[in-house]
PDB file of N, CA and C in Angstrom:
ATOM      1  N   MET A   1      24.811-197.762   8.755  1.00  0.00           N
ATOM      2  CA  MET A   1      24.107-196.349   9.103  1.00  0.00           C
ATOM      3  C   MET A   1      25.029-195.318   8.996  1.00  0.00           C
ATOM      4  N   PRO A   2      24.622-194.411   8.442  1.00  0.00           N
ATOM      5  CA  PRO A   2      25.267-193.069   8.059  1.00  0.00           C
ATOM      6  C   PRO A   2      25.813-192.707   9.601  1.00  0.00           C
ATOM      7  N   ALA A   3      27.210-191.822   9.285  1.00  0.00           N
ATOM      8  CA  ALA A   3      27.723-191.700  10.391  1.00  0.00           C
ATOM      9  C   ALA A   3      27.190-190.082  10.833  1.00  0.00           C
ATOM     10  N   LYS A   4      26.837-189.063  10.242  1.00  0.00           N
ATOM     11  CA  LYS A   4      26.065-187.994  10.337  1.00  0.00           C
ATOM     12  C   LYS A   4      24.557-188.160   9.925  1.00  0.00           C
ATOM     13  N   PHE A   5      23.687-187.286  10.822  1.00  0.00           N
ATOM     14  CA  PHE A   5      22.361-187.049  10.278  1.00  0.00           C
ATOM     15  C   PHE A   5      22.122-185.486  10.377  1.00  0.00           C
ATOM     16  N   ASP A   6      21.490-184.984   9.098  1.00  0.00           N
ATOM     17  CA  ASP A   6      21.046-183.861   8.821  1.00  0.00           C
ATOM     18  C   ASP A   6      19.948-183.471  10.026  1.00  0.00           C
ATOM     19  N   GLY A   7      18.860-184.578  10.275  1.00  0.00           N
ATOM     20  CA  GLY A   7      18.091-184.248  11.036  1.00  0.00           C
ATOM     21  C   GLY A   7      17.437-185.320  11.635  1.00  0.00           C
ATOM     22  N   ILE A   8      17.051-185.562  12.864  1.00  0.00           N
ATOM     23  CA  ILE A   8      16.306-186.640  13.523  1.00  0.00           C
ATOM     24  C   ILE A   8      14.969-186.177  14.023  1.00  0.00           C
ATOM     25  N   ILE A   9      14.099-187.125  13.631  1.00  0.00           N
ATOM     26  CA  ILE A   9      12.908-186.861  13.905  1.00  0.00           C
ATOM     27  C   ILE A   9      12.382-188.108  15.075  1.00  0.00           C
ATOM     28  N   PHE A  10      11.730-187.642  16.159  1.00  0.00           N
ATOM     29  CA  PHE A  10      11.204-188.082  17.501  1.00  0.00           C
ATOM     30  C   PHE A  10       9.938-188.399  16.893  1.00  0.00           C
ATOM     31  N   ILE A  11       9.546-189.599  16.731  1.00  0.00           N
ATOM     32  CA  ILE A  11       7.808-189.546  16.384  1.00  0.00           C
ATOM     33  C   ILE A  11       7.230-189.833  17.958  1.00  0.00           C
ATOM     34  N   THR A  12       6.272-189.160  18.324  1.00  0.00           N
ATOM     35  CA  THR A  12       5.830-189.517  19.416  1.00  0.00           C
ATOM     36  C   THR A  12       4.266-188.570  19.963  1.00  0.00           C
ATOM     37  N   LYS A  13       3.474-188.901  20.784  1.00  0.00           N
ATOM     38  CA  LYS A  13       2.525-188.209  21.351  1.00  0.00           C
ATOM     39  C   LYS A  13       2.839-187.442  22.411  1.00  0.00           C
ATOM     40  N   ASN A  14       4.258-188.208  23.313  1.00  0.00           N
ATOM     41  CA  ASN A  14       4.237-187.635  24.514  1.00  0.00           C
ATOM     42  C   ASN A  14       5.530-186.763  24.541  1.00  0.00           C
ATOM     43  N   ASN A  15       5.522-185.393  24.127  1.00  0.00           N
ATOM     44  CA  ASN A  15       6.502-184.240  23.912  1.00  0.00           C
ATOM     45  C   ASN A  15       7.236-184.519  25.181  1.00  0.00           C
ATOM     46  N   GLU A  16       6.936-184.685  26.366  1.00  0.00           N
ATOM     47  CA  GLU A  16       7.892-184.921  27.490  1.00  0.00           C
ATOM     48  C   GLU A  16       8.921-185.611  27.412  1.00  0.00           C
ATOM     49  N   ASN A  17       8.780-186.935  26.966  1.00  0.00           N
ATOM     50  CA  ASN A  17       9.970-187.804  27.191  1.00  0.00           C
ATOM     51  C   ASN A  17      10.781-187.269  25.742  1.00  0.00           C
ATOM     52  N   ALA A  18       9.967-187.040  24.635  1.00  0.00           N
ATOM     53  CA  ALA A  18      11.007-186.464  23.750  1.00  0.00           C
ATOM     54  C   ALA A  18      11.812-185.741  23.842  1.00  0.00           C
ATOM     55  N   THR A  19      11.429-184.579  24.683  1.00  0.00           N
ATOM     56  CA  THR A  19      12.057-183.454  25.039  1.00  0.00           C
ATOM     57  C   THR A  19      13.272-183.993  26.049  1.00  0.00           C
ATOM     58  N   SER A  20      12.880-184.952  26.852  1.00  0.00           N
ATOM     59  CA  SER A  20      13.774-185.322  27.959  1.00  0.00           C
ATOM     60  C   SER A  20      15.017-185.899  26.957  1.00  0.00           C
ATOM     61  N   ILE A  21      14.746-186.882  26.052  1.00  0.00           N
ATOM     62  CA  ILE A  21      15.797-187.503  25.146  1.00  0.00           C
ATOM     63  C   ILE A  21      16.493-186.356  24.388  1.00  0.00           C
ATOM     64  N   LYS A  22      15.640-185.202  23.959  1.00  0.00           N
ATOM     65  CA  LYS A  22      16.476-184.307  22.989  1.00  0.00           C
ATOM     66  C   LYS A  22      17.378-183.725  23.704  1.00  0.00           C
ATOM     67  N   THR A  23      17.267-183.034  24.871  1.00  0.00           N
ATOM     68  CA  THR A  23      17.833-182.453  25.747  1.00  0.00           C
ATOM     69  C   THR A  23      19.164-183.407  26.001  1.00  0.00           C
ATOM     70  N   GLN A  24      19.237-184.357  26.501  1.00  0.00           N
ATOM     71  CA  GLN A  24      20.258-185.476  26.772  1.00  0.00           C
ATOM     72  C   GLN A  24      21.263-185.568  25.460  1.00  0.00           C
ATOM     73  N   LEU A  25      20.430-185.713  24.387  1.00  0.00           N
ATOM     74  CA  LEU A  25      21.221-186.017  22.664  1.00  0.00           C
ATOM     75  C   LEU A  25      21.828-184.432  22.540  1.00  0.00           C
ATOM     76  N   ASN A  26      21.427-183.472  22.972  1.00  0.00           N
ATOM     77  CA  ASN A  26      22.089-182.017  22.795  1.00  0.00           C
ATOM     78  C   ASN A  26      23.472-181.780  23.627  1.00  0.00           C
ATOM     79  N   GLU A  27      23.023-182.366  24.884  1.00  0.00           N
ATOM     80  CA  GLU A  27      24.263-182.392  25.855  1.00  0.00           C
ATOM     81  C   GLU A  27      25.368-183.210  25.111  1.00  0.00           C
ATOM     82  N   TYR A  28      25.016-184.237  24.837  1.00  0.00           N
ATOM     83  CA  TYR A  28      26.142-185.086  24.647  1.00  0.00           C
ATOM     84  C   TYR A  28      26.696-185.346  23.189  1.00  0.00           C
ATOM     85  N   TYR A  29      25.660-184.816  22.048  1.00  0.00           N
ATOM     86  CA  TYR A  29      25.785-185.044  20.845  1.00  0.00           C
ATOM     87  C   TYR A  29      25.819-183.912  20.128  1.00  0.00           C
ATOM     88  N   ARG A  30      25.086-183.494  19.802  1.00  0.00           N
ATOM     89  CA  ARG A  30      25.160-182.162  19.058  1.00  0.00           C
ATOM     90  C   ARG A  30      24.492-180.930  19.490  1.00  0.00           C
ATOM     91  N   LYS A  31      25.087-179.460  19.317  1.00  0.00           N
ATOM     92  CA  LYS A  31      24.390-178.302  19.978  1.00  0.00           C
ATOM     93  C   LYS A  31      23.466-177.877  18.893  1.00  0.00           C
ATOM     94  N   ASP A  32      23.409-178.260  17.762  1.00  0.00           N
ATOM     95  CA  ASP A  32      22.416-177.451  16.658  1.00  0.00           C
ATOM     96  C   ASP A  32      21.345-177.902  16.655  1.00  0.00           C
ATOM     97  N   ASP A  33      20.523-177.542  16.057  1.00  0.00           N
ATOM     98  CA  ASP A  33      18.966-177.826  15.798  1.00  0.00           C
ATOM     99  C   ASP A  33      18.711-178.942  14.878  1.00  0.00           C
ATOM    100  N   ILE A  34      19.120-180.320  15.263  1.00  0.00           N
ATOM    101  CA  ILE A  34      18.656-181.286  14.197  1.00  0.00           C
ATOM    102  C   ILE A  34      17.694-181.999  14.753  1.00  0.00           C
ATOM    103  N   PHE A  35      16.894-181.652  15.825  1.00  0.00           N
ATOM    104  CA  PHE A  35      15.936-182.631  16.244  1.00  0.00           C
ATOM    105  C   PHE A  35      14.681-182.021  16.334  1.00  0.00           C
ATOM    106  N   TYR A  36      13.851-182.900  15.884  1.00  0.00           N
ATOM    107  CA  TYR A  36      12.247-182.464  15.837  1.00  0.00           C
ATOM    108  C   TYR A  36      11.421-183.456  15.924  1.00  0.00           C
ATOM    109  N   ILE A  37      10.558-182.645  17.038  1.00  0.00           N
ATOM    110  CA  ILE A  37       9.269-183.907  17.814  1.00  0.00           C
ATOM    111  C   ILE A  37       8.186-183.775  17.025  1.00  0.00           C
ATOM    112  N   THR A  38       7.373-184.717  16.685  1.00  0.00           N
ATOM    113  CA  THR A  38       6.093-184.789  15.919  1.00  0.00           C
ATOM    114  C   THR A  38       5.441-186.150  16.144  1.00  0.00           C
ATOM    115  N   ASP A  39       4.270-185.994  15.895  1.00  0.00           N
ATOM    116  CA  ASP A  39       3.344-186.930  16.166  1.00  0.00           C
ATOM    117  C   ASP A  39       2.783-187.503  14.307  1.00  0.00           C
ATOM    118  N   ASN A  40       3.585-186.735  13.604  1.00  0.00           N
ATOM    119  CA  ASN A  40       3.105-186.997  12.169  1.00  0.00           C
ATOM    120  C   ASN A  40       4.636-187.031  11.339  1.00  0.00           C
ATOM    121  N   PHE A  41       5.018-188.182  11.189  1.00  0.00           N
ATOM    122  CA  PHE A  41       6.151-188.470  10.440  1.00  0.00           C
ATOM    123  C   PHE A  41       6.385-187.923   9.318  1.00  0.00           C
ATOM    124  N   GLU A  42       5.409-187.906   8.512  1.00  0.00           N
ATOM    125  CA  GLU A  42       5.520-187.164   7.134  1.00  0.00           C
ATOM    126  C   GLU A  42       6.080-185.667   7.210  1.00  0.00           C
ATOM    127  N   ASN A  43       5.207-185.177   8.333  1.00  0.00           N
ATOM    128  CA  ASN A  43       5.462-183.319   8.616  1.00  0.00           C
ATOM    129  C   ASN A  43       6.750-183.351   8.825  1.00  0.00           C
ATOM    130  N   GLY A  44       7.279-184.250   9.727  1.00  0.00           N
ATOM    131  CA  GLY A  44       8.904-184.258  10.200  1.00  0.00           C
ATOM    132  C   GLY A  44       9.842-184.289   8.832  1.00  0.00           C
ATOM    133  N   ILE A  45       9.553-185.283   7.934  1.00  0.00           N
ATOM    134  CA  ILE A  45      10.206-185.536   6.939  1.00  0.00           C
ATOM    135  C   ILE A  45      10.189-184.104   6.245  1.00  0.00           C
ATOM    136  N   LYS A  46       8.625-183.685   5.892  1.00  0.00           N
ATOM    137  CA  LYS A  46       8.798-182.297   4.990  1.00  0.00           C
ATOM    138  C   LYS A  46       9.633-181.230   5.546  1.00  0.00           C
ATOM    139  N   HIS A  47       9.428-181.167   6.771  1.00  0.00           N
ATOM    140  CA  HIS A  47      10.280-180.096   7.677  1.00  0.00           C
ATOM    141  C   HIS A  47      11.695-180.278   7.174  1.00  0.00           C
ATOM    142  N   PHE A  48      12.610-181.213   7.434  1.00  0.00           N
ATOM    143  CA  PHE A  48      13.938-181.200   7.346  1.00  0.00           C
ATOM    144  C   PHE A  48      14.120-181.261   5.630  1.00  0.00           C
ATOM    145  N   ILE A  49      13.205-181.684   4.773  1.00  0.00           N
ATOM    146  CA  ILE A  49      13.263-181.230   3.335  1.00  0.00           C
ATOM    147  C   ILE A  49      13.508-180.000   3.173  1.00  0.00           C
ATOM    148  N   ASN A  50      12.272-179.250   3.736  1.00  0.00           N
ATOM    149  CA  ASN A  50      12.528-177.634   3.589  1.00  0.00           C
ATOM    150  C   ASN A  50      13.377-176.814   3.741  1.00  0.00           C
ATOM    151  N   LYS A  51      14.500-177.713   5.060  1.00  0.00           N
ATOM    152  CA  LYS A  51      15.707-177.291   5.490  1.00  0.00           C
ATOM    153  C   LYS A  51      16.942-177.612   4.758  1.00  0.00           C
ATOM    154  N   GLY A  52      16.579-178.389   3.603  1.00  0.00           N
ATOM    155  CA  GLY A  52      17.414-178.836   2.902  1.00  0.00           C
ATOM    156  C   GLY A  52      18.434-179.953   3.468  1.00  0.00           C
ATOM    157  N   CYS A  53      17.798-180.732   4.288  1.00  0.00           N
ATOM    158  CA  CYS A  53      18.652-181.906   4.902  1.00  0.00           C
ATOM    159  C   CYS A  53      18.380-183.167   3.962  1.00  0.00           C
ATOM    160  N   ASN A  54      19.378-183.929   3.874  1.00  0.00           N
ATOM    161  CA  ASN A  54      19.716-184.912   2.705  1.00  0.00           C
ATOM    162  C   ASN A  54      19.618-186.307   3.782  1.00  0.00           C
ATOM    163  N   ASN A  55      19.875-186.304   5.169  1.00  0.00           N
ATOM    164  CA  ASN A  55      20.318-187.736   5.531  1.00  0.00           C
ATOM    165  C   ASN A  55      19.493-187.255   7.045  1.00  0.00           C
ATOM    166  N   ILE A  56      18.172-188.023   7.180  1.00  0.00           N
ATOM    167  CA  ILE A  56      17.372-187.904   8.171  1.00  0.00           C
ATOM    168  C   ILE A  56      17.424-189.450   9.065  1.00  0.00           C
ATOM    169  N   LEU A  57      17.265-189.245  10.478  1.00  0.00           N
ATOM    170  CA  LEU A  57      17.174-190.580  10.910  1.00  0.00           C
ATOM    171  C   LEU A  57      15.961-190.411  11.998  1.00  0.00           C
ATOM    172  N   TYR A  58      15.002-191.478  11.861  1.00  0.00           N
ATOM    173  CA  TYR A  58      13.721-191.264  12.649  1.00  0.00           C
ATOM    174  C   TYR A  58      13.729-192.326  13.757  1.00  0.00           C
ATOM    175  N   VAL A  59      12.944-192.096  15.085  1.00  0.00           N
ATOM    176  CA  VAL A  59      12.938-192.792  15.908  1.00  0.00           C
ATOM    177  C   VAL A  59      11.460-193.099  16.438  1.00  0.00           C
ATOM    178  N   SER A  60      11.050-194.066  16.440  1.00  0.00           N
ATOM    179  CA  SER A  60       9.620-194.287  16.958  1.00  0.00           C
ATOM    180  C   SER A  60       9.651-194.484  18.607  1.00  0.00           C
ATOM    181  N   LEU A  61       9.245-193.435  19.287  1.00  0.00           N
ATOM    182  CA  LEU A  61       9.204-193.280  20.699  1.00  0.00           C
ATOM    183  C   LEU A  61       8.147-194.098  21.389  1.00  0.00           C
ATOM    184  N   ASP A  62       7.044-194.250  20.618  1.00  0.00           N
ATOM    185  CA  ASP A  62       5.837-194.558  21.264  1.00  0.00           C
ATOM    186  C   ASP A  62       5.752-196.133  21.479  1.00  0.00           C
ATOM    187  N   GLU A  63       6.393-196.716  20.619  1.00  0.00           N
ATOM    188  CA  GLU A  63       6.674-198.465  20.378  1.00  0.00           C
ATOM    189  C   GLU A  63       7.716-198.606  21.132  1.00  0.00           C
ATOM    190  N   SER A  64       7.416-199.751  22.224  1.00  0.00           N
ATOM    191  CA  SER A  64       8.722-200.275  22.768  1.00  0.00           C
ATOM    192  C   SER A  64       9.400-201.403  22.146  1.00  0.00           C
ATOM    193  N   SER A  65       8.774-201.901  21.526  1.00  0.00           N
ATOM    194  CA  SER A  65       9.197-202.982  20.682  1.00  0.00           C
ATOM    195  C   SER A  65       8.523-202.950  19.121  1.00  0.00           C
ATOM    196  N   SER A  66       9.094-203.992  18.287  1.00  0.00           N
ATOM    197  CA  SER A  66       8.610-203.752  16.933  1.00  0.00           C
ATOM    198  C   SER A  66       6.998-203.754  16.424  1.00  0.00           C
ATOM    199  N   GLY A  67       6.394-202.570  16.411  1.00  0.00           N
ATOM    200  CA  GLY A  67       4.921-202.641  16.371  1.00  0.00           C
ATOM    201  C   GLY A  67       4.607-202.397  14.742  1.00  0.00           C
ATOM    202  N   ILE A  68       3.085-202.701  14.404  1.00  0.00           N
ATOM    203  CA  ILE A  68       2.925-202.552  13.318  1.00  0.00           C
ATOM    204  C   ILE A  68       3.160-201.037  12.531  1.00  0.00           C
ATOM    205  N   THR A  69       2.933-199.958  13.456  1.00  0.00           N
ATOM    206  CA  THR A  69       3.327-198.694  12.975  1.00  0.00           C
ATOM    207  C   THR A  69       4.573-198.232  12.371  1.00  0.00           C
ATOM    208  N   ALA A  70       5.716-198.754  13.127  1.00  0.00           N
ATOM    209  CA  ALA A  70       6.878-198.506  12.846  1.00  0.00           C
ATOM    210  C   ALA A  70       7.396-199.421  12.093  1.00  0.00           C
ATOM    211  N   GLU A  71       6.898-200.781  11.703  1.00  0.00           N
ATOM    212  CA  GLU A  71       7.499-201.910  11.103  1.00  0.00           C
ATOM    213  C   GLU A  71       6.995-202.124   9.719  1.00  0.00           C
ATOM    214  N   TYR A  72       5.860-201.463   9.443  1.00  0.00           N
ATOM    215  CA  TYR A  72       5.098-201.349   8.011  1.00  0.00           C
ATOM    216  C   TYR A  72       4.936-199.671   7.595  1.00  0.00           C
ATOM    217  N   PHE A  73       4.289-199.122   8.429  1.00  0.00           N
ATOM    218  CA  PHE A  73       3.499-197.746   8.178  1.00  0.00           C
ATOM    219  C   PHE A  73       4.597-196.804   7.855  1.00  0.00           C
ATOM    220  N   TYR A  74       5.673-196.510   8.646  1.00  0.00           N
ATOM    221  CA  TYR A  74       6.598-195.507   8.602  1.00  0.00           C
ATOM    222  C   TYR A  74       7.488-195.984   7.349  1.00  0.00           C
ATOM    223  N   PRO A  75       7.873-197.122   7.221  1.00  0.00           N
ATOM    224  CA  PRO A  75       8.895-197.607   6.029  1.00  0.00           C
ATOM    225  C   PRO A  75       8.155-196.965   4.850  1.00  0.00           C
ATOM    226  N   LYS A  76       7.139-197.097   4.569  1.00  0.00           N
ATOM    227  CA  LYS A  76       6.165-196.784   3.327  1.00  0.00           C
ATOM    228  C   LYS A  76       6.158-195.615   3.135  1.00  0.00           C
ATOM    229  N   ILE A  77       5.981-194.800   4.095  1.00  0.00           N
ATOM    230  CA  ILE A  77       6.149-193.207   3.796  1.00  0.00           C
ATOM    231  C   ILE A  77       7.208-192.768   3.717  1.00  0.00           C
ATOM    232  N   ALA A  78       8.718-193.296   4.461  1.00  0.00           N
ATOM    233  CA  ALA A  78       9.744-193.076   3.982  1.00  0.00           C
ATOM    234  C   ALA A  78      10.124-193.169   2.439  1.00  0.00           C
ATOM    235  N   LEU A  79       9.689-194.306   2.024  1.00  0.00           N
ATOM    236  CA  LEU A  79       9.841-194.888   0.559  1.00  0.00           C
ATOM    237  C   LEU A  79       9.356-193.918  -0.171  1.00  0.00           C
ATOM    238  N   LYS A  80       8.565-193.113  -0.266  1.00  0.00           N
ATOM    239  CA  LYS A  80       8.071-191.969  -0.830  1.00  0.00           C
ATOM    240  C   LYS A  80       8.888-190.746  -1.003  1.00  0.00           C
ATOM    241  N   TYR A  81       9.698-190.904  -0.112  1.00  0.00           N
ATOM    242  CA  TYR A  81      10.405-189.257  -0.228  1.00  0.00           C
ATOM    243  C   TYR A  81      11.887-189.905  -0.651  1.00  0.00           C
ATOM    244  N   SER A  82      12.663-191.471  -0.937  1.00  0.00           N
ATOM    245  CA  SER A  82      13.733-191.951  -1.071  1.00  0.00           C
ATOM    246  C   SER A  82      14.370-191.390  -2.272  1.00  0.00           C
ATOM    247  N   ASP A  83      13.859-190.716  -3.155  1.00  0.00           N
ATOM    248  CA  ASP A  83      14.459-190.388  -4.153  1.00  0.00           C
ATOM    249  C   ASP A  83      14.845-188.845  -4.017  1.00  0.00           C
ATOM    250  N   LYS A  84      14.527-188.070  -2.662  1.00  0.00           N
ATOM    251  CA  LYS A  84      14.903-186.716  -2.650  1.00  0.00           C
ATOM    252  C   LYS A  84      16.203-186.847  -1.506  1.00  0.00           C
ATOM    253  N   ILE A  85      15.672-188.002  -0.443  1.00  0.00           N
ATOM    254  CA  ILE A  85      16.436-187.916   0.743  1.00  0.00           C
ATOM    255  C   ILE A  85      17.083-189.196   1.425  1.00  0.00           C
ATOM    256  N   ASN A  86      18.076-189.590   1.854  1.00  0.00           N
ATOM    257  CA  ASN A  86      18.110-190.840   2.710  1.00  0.00           C
ATOM    258  C   ASN A  86      17.261-190.489   3.921  1.00  0.00           C
ATOM    259  N   ILE A  87      16.592-191.657   4.488  1.00  0.00           N
ATOM    260  CA  ILE A  87      15.983-192.029   5.661  1.00  0.00           C
ATOM    261  C   ILE A  87      15.933-193.331   6.054  1.00  0.00           C
ATOM    262  N   VAL A  88      16.837-193.257   7.605  1.00  0.00           N
ATOM    263  CA  VAL A  88      16.894-194.408   8.044  1.00  0.00           C
ATOM    264  C   VAL A  88      15.942-194.486   9.286  1.00  0.00           C
ATOM    265  N   GLY A  89      15.646-195.425  10.142  1.00  0.00           N
ATOM    266  CA  GLY A  89      14.629-195.454  10.881  1.00  0.00           C
ATOM    267  C   GLY A  89      15.293-196.666  12.172  1.00  0.00           C
ATOM    268  N   ILE A  90      15.092-196.126  13.429  1.00  0.00           N
ATOM    269  CA  ILE A  90      15.233-196.804  14.512  1.00  0.00           C
ATOM    270  C   ILE A  90      13.767-197.172  14.667  1.00  0.00           C
ATOM    271  N   LYS A  91      13.298-198.596  14.961  1.00  0.00           N
ATOM    272  CA  LYS A  91      11.922-198.812  14.858  1.00  0.00           C
ATOM    273  C   LYS A  91      11.230-199.046  16.211  1.00  0.00           C
ATOM    274  N   ASP A  92      12.268-199.661  17.264  1.00  0.00           N
ATOM    275  CA  ASP A  92      11.882-199.746  18.806  1.00  0.00           C
ATOM    276  C   ASP A  92      12.506-199.121  19.658  1.00  0.00           C
ATOM    277  N   TRP A  93      12.286-197.823  19.962  1.00  0.00           N
ATOM    278  CA  TRP A  93      13.231-197.177  20.857  1.00  0.00           C
ATOM    279  C   TRP A  93      12.825-197.429  22.322  1.00  0.00           C
ATOM    280  N   GLY A  94      11.575-197.128  22.407  1.00  0.00           N
ATOM    281  CA  GLY A  94      10.814-197.178  23.896  1.00  0.00           C
ATOM    282  C   GLY A  94      11.379-196.354  24.788  1.00  0.00           C
ATOM    283  N   TYR A  95      11.263-196.433  25.882  1.00  0.00           N
ATOM    284  CA  TYR A  95      11.815-195.564  27.158  1.00  0.00           C
ATOM    285  C   TYR A  95      12.666-195.914  28.060  1.00  0.00           C
ATOM    286  N   ASP A  96      13.418-197.079  27.838  1.00  0.00           N
ATOM    287  CA  ASP A  96      14.477-197.428  28.563  1.00  0.00           C
ATOM    288  C   ASP A  96      15.585-196.809  28.845  1.00  0.00           C
ATOM    289  N   LYS A  97      15.639-196.183  30.058  1.00  0.00           N
ATOM    290  CA  LYS A  97      16.956-195.226  29.885  1.00  0.00           C
ATOM    291  C   LYS A  97      18.424-195.873  29.499  1.00  0.00           C
ATOM    292  N   LEU A  98      18.420-197.284  29.832  1.00  0.00           N
ATOM    293  CA  LEU A  98      19.898-197.805  29.319  1.00  0.00           C
ATOM    294  C   LEU A  98      19.930-197.717  28.064  1.00  0.00           C
ATOM    295  N   LEU A  99      18.694-197.944  27.460  1.00  0.00           N
ATOM    296  CA  LEU A  99      18.969-197.859  25.894  1.00  0.00           C
ATOM    297  C   LEU A  99      19.059-196.403  25.329  1.00  0.00           C
ATOM    298  N   VAL A 100      18.253-195.645  25.947  1.00  0.00           N
ATOM    299  CA  VAL A 100      18.633-194.228  25.588  1.00  0.00           C
ATOM    300  C   VAL A 100      20.337-193.982  25.729  1.00  0.00           C
ATOM    301  N   LYS A 101      20.737-194.078  26.736  1.00  0.00           N
ATOM    302  CA  LYS A 101      22.301-193.901  27.148  1.00  0.00           C
ATOM    303  C   LYS A 101      23.107-194.893  25.956  1.00  0.00           C
ATOM    304  N   ALA A 102      22.627-195.909  25.623  1.00  0.00           N
ATOM    305  CA  ALA A 102      23.442-196.707  24.842  1.00  0.00           C
ATOM    306  C   ALA A 102      23.364-195.867  23.514  1.00  0.00           C
ATOM    307  N   SER A 103      22.159-195.438  23.082  1.00  0.00           N
ATOM    308  CA  SER A 103      22.033-194.701  21.849  1.00  0.00           C
ATOM    309  C   SER A 103      22.776-193.650  21.780  1.00  0.00           C
ATOM    310  N   ILE A 104      22.830-192.837  22.746  1.00  0.00           N
ATOM    311  CA  ILE A 104      23.749-191.412  22.840  1.00  0.00           C
ATOM    312  C   ILE A 104      25.144-192.314  22.795  1.00  0.00           C
ATOM    313  N   ARG A 105      25.679-192.832  23.299  1.00  0.00           N
ATOM    314  CA  ARG A 105      27.075-193.455  23.225  1.00  0.00           C
ATOM    315  C   ARG A 105      27.417-193.984  21.756  1.00  0.00           C
ATOM    316  N   CYS A 106      26.420-194.661  21.166  1.00  0.00           N
ATOM    317  CA  CYS A 106      26.299-194.967  19.577  1.00  0.00           C
ATOM    318  C   CYS A 106      26.502-193.823  18.546  1.00  0.00           C
ATOM    319  N   PHE A 107      25.705-192.551  19.200  1.00  0.00           N
ATOM    320  CA  PHE A 107      25.647-191.568  18.031  1.00  0.00           C
ATOM    321  C   PHE A 107      27.049-190.705  18.278  1.00  0.00           C
ATOM    322  N   LEU A 108      27.739-190.788  19.519  1.00  0.00           N
ATOM    323  CA  LEU A 108      29.119-190.299  19.791  1.00  0.00           C
ATOM    324  C   LEU A 108      30.097-190.928  19.164  1.00  0.00           C
ATOM    325  N   GLU A 109      29.943-192.387  18.915  1.00  0.00           N
ATOM    326  CA  GLU A 109      31.216-193.271  18.277  1.00  0.00           C
ATOM    327  C   GLU A 109      31.035-192.780  16.989  1.00  0.00           C
ATOM    328  N   LYS A 110      29.989-192.802  16.288  1.00  0.00           N
ATOM    329  CA  LYS A 110      29.521-192.472  14.845  1.00  0.00           C
ATOM    330  C   LYS A 110      29.854-191.060  14.506  1.00  0.00           C
ATOM    331  N   GLU A 111      30.104-190.362  15.339  1.00  0.00           N
ATOM    332  CA  GLU A 111      30.549-188.522  15.051  1.00  0.00           C
ATOM    333  C   GLU A 111      32.132-188.624  15.056  1.00  0.00           C
ATOM    334  N   LYS A 112      32.652-189.587  15.694  1.00  0.00           N
ATOM    335  CA  LYS A 112      34.332-189.521  15.736  1.00  0.00           C
ATOM    336  C   LYS A 112      34.805-189.657  14.162  1.00  0.00           C
TER     337      LYS A 112
END
């Protein structure tokens, strides 16, 4: 996994949970505007392409374990843009606080 991302897309219909995770990551990880919350993955990709980003991470927040959408649908969308940018996905994030904290630590380790 690349050490740095130009953009991180939180794919969810529940903006409250995504905003909470974004706030925690901004507090511990980055201070700039690299997070985008949307329920339309392709719009998120286009948002970061328009900003000139090259390295994007996407996180499906609505599936707590590998589901059909995250396992098959999102990778197909990402493949359409793979000639322009690098897109990496975390397929099963869920809302587990321990997982969120572990992910923040992982981001911090990669940032060193």
